[in-house]
Amino acid sequence: MTKINDPDHPVILFIPEAGIYPYLRTLAVLGDAVQKQGGRVLVTRDSGQMIYSPMMAKTRMPQKLSKEQRENITKANDKNIKKVVDKYKFEVIELANFVDKTLLKEVDSLVDENKDIQNTKFRGFEVGKIAQYDFSLATKFIYSKDLSPEHRDLYAAYVKNTALTVALVDQICQKYQPALFLTFNDYAQCQAVRYGAERYGANRLGVTFPTHLGFDASRPSLFKSTYEYWLYNHCQKWGEVKDLAIPPKKVEACFDDSIFRMYTANSSHIFSAQKQIDPSSIFEKLKLDPKKRTVVVYTSSKDERVGIDIAMEVWGEEHKVVDVFESQIEWLETLRKYAEARDDIQIIVRIHPREGKRKFGYDSGHLTQLRSIFTKDTEKFMVVWPEDPISSYDLLELAHVVLVAWSLMGVEASRLGIPVLSYNTSISYSSDDDFMQFASTKEEYTKKLEAILNTKSTFYHLTKAVRYYHWRTFVASLDLGETVPTDFKDERVWPKAPEKMVGIINDLLSGKEDLISYNFQNWQNSIDNKSGEEETKTIKQGIRKFLDKIFYPPNISPAKKDLISRLTERLYRKLKLASGPKETKFVDYNLEYTEDISQIETLRQRTLVNKDLRILVAEGLYANLLHQGKVLRRMSPMATRLAKLHFNG
């Protein structure tokens, strides 16, 4: 165990990107818990020493910063550092005290024009390889000797920044003899901290947020290895818990997240535009055939996978991830041939929106390859490109089956009752299960694809998908929601650690307790003989809530306002008096399902009499919702499927 409560061996919040409010806020809450049990906490201050920190990457700054840009970063850092010092009384480590001309010259000499910088090492650490983690995320390109001068300069900056971090941690360890370093996320800089800490017998814990509601800042995850390796190992144990009912609040949260992803476009982890198109217009635009089943394929952003794989390779973190196809291009070519040989399906490929200009300003190298191969659509195989005005969630509503490489859209589809098949036993997923299947060979993939096209989802499939979301998201994070907001809109909020959580936070940081074991034990203690019944009841309510949003969606595109209205609204937002339009609160109702379209008029009359009743009448691809005597008709296999699962549940 790590002695984090010994003042002679402090906890270091290594966060040169202190200007990123939610990152620093989270580490500060954990540090607050340490101090409450007698520990000493120090936070790093970057006043211009870092070469290319996550702070610079977040604000999309060029590799060579001007004096003014560096001053702006320092101001943003100092603003937040002052707040945490005032609030939590942390001590400050001035990184400037550890950086001199000799060190900078040593770091700068690591890279020259003729060197293959990917193989650069510094004090025994593979800074060249690990820097690709940041480089690929920032540029959406994979390192090669043929990089453009601009990309090579940026890659070199990441290599130097990683090396500088190793040197800084060396000196911090020598001076302070820390017990623990805390970093946010898995940037190359953070992994350099891990390396430096381990060299001196200290520990490093990474911290991040689960992608619930985009980001849930009230639920930090804590990990010693790379995050993806830690999460992968956790998810592989899903089979041991899949038959356990989960609490109603967690079921509600699962459906809330599905609704949020459908209708929100302001999260760094939701790349697609928000849902807003009636599916029938997509049907017309893509000239789809209503007699055929629609298979929606979601590709993944290749650069994200590259960085993760390299990080695990550097650390020797072995996993059992298997890719059936050598590349996504081979996979898509196989699917195109498959579709052309059949008369009963049509395939729509949604290229990951992150690969285009919508995120970070330029196309990925992978997108260029895709464009060169998939140049022309056919009646059975068509591609939706990143810039096309069609949301991934619009397509999801039409899907009979979803195919993914390793995209989290598979997880999203499965908890809406859609059968899913992946060609990758991915770090994003669980062990193989019927609601979300995997293949490990091309032959197995073909067989499972044949089978899944004829799969009929059951309520138990949906139940397991919801339980899996709970396992992957909530069991793998620590609930600090009593004091910590889920969002980070108001940068004036610097919460204290919840009093009742101080003990467990210290136990987790010291290694006395394991996060997964702690949450699992609490989960087990919550289960009684009524848990299964309550879970089913709440899943059915979640379906009703989701269908309510499908047929009565939030106002996504409000009418244009006059100048005075816009200026008034802007002033209110500045004064924190208004936060935009509020959604209508969900009012529960009774739901019935039928496939007898001939009775629609009689059923409509029933809903006219009973205001709390809604009846969904299936009609091929269309779902007719009868409510208060009105008929809302929508092309939505998703709505029909969920209503049917509700009925069968």
Foldseek 3Di string as FASTA:
>chain_A
DFPCQDQLAHEEAEPCQQLPQLFVLLVLQLNLLSVVSRGAYEYEYEQQPFQDDVNCLVVLHASDDDPVVSNVSNVSNVVRVVVSCVVRVHHYDYLVVQDDPVLLVVLLVQDDLPDPQLQGDAPHARLSLLLLLVLCVRALEGDDNPDDPRSVSNSSSSSSSLNVLLSSLLVCCVVRVHQEYEYEADHSSLVSNQVNQVVSPHAYKYWYAFCQLLGFSQWIFIDRAHPLLVLLVLQQCLVVCLVPFFFLVLLLSLLVRLLSLQADDPHPRNQWDHHDDFLVVVCVVLVADLQAAEEEEEEDSVSNVSSVVSRCVSVVRDDDKAFQDPDVVVVLVVVVVVQVVDDHYAYEYEYGLCQDCSPNGHHHPVVVVVCVPCVDADRRYYYDYNPHPHTPVSVLQRHQAYEYAQDCVLLSSLLLQHAYEYSISDSNHHGADRSHHYDRYPVRSVVVVVVSSPDAGALSSNSSSSVSCCSSHVLSTDRQPVFDGRDCPDSVDNTHGPPVCSVVSVCPSNVVDPSNVVSVVVRVVPDDPCSVVSSLVSNLQSLQQSVCCVQVPDDNDDDDDDPVVVVVVVVCVVVVNDDDDDDDDDDAAAEAEDQPPVCVQVVLVVQLVVQRYWYWHDDRQWIWIRHNSDTRIGRGPSNNSSSVNSNND
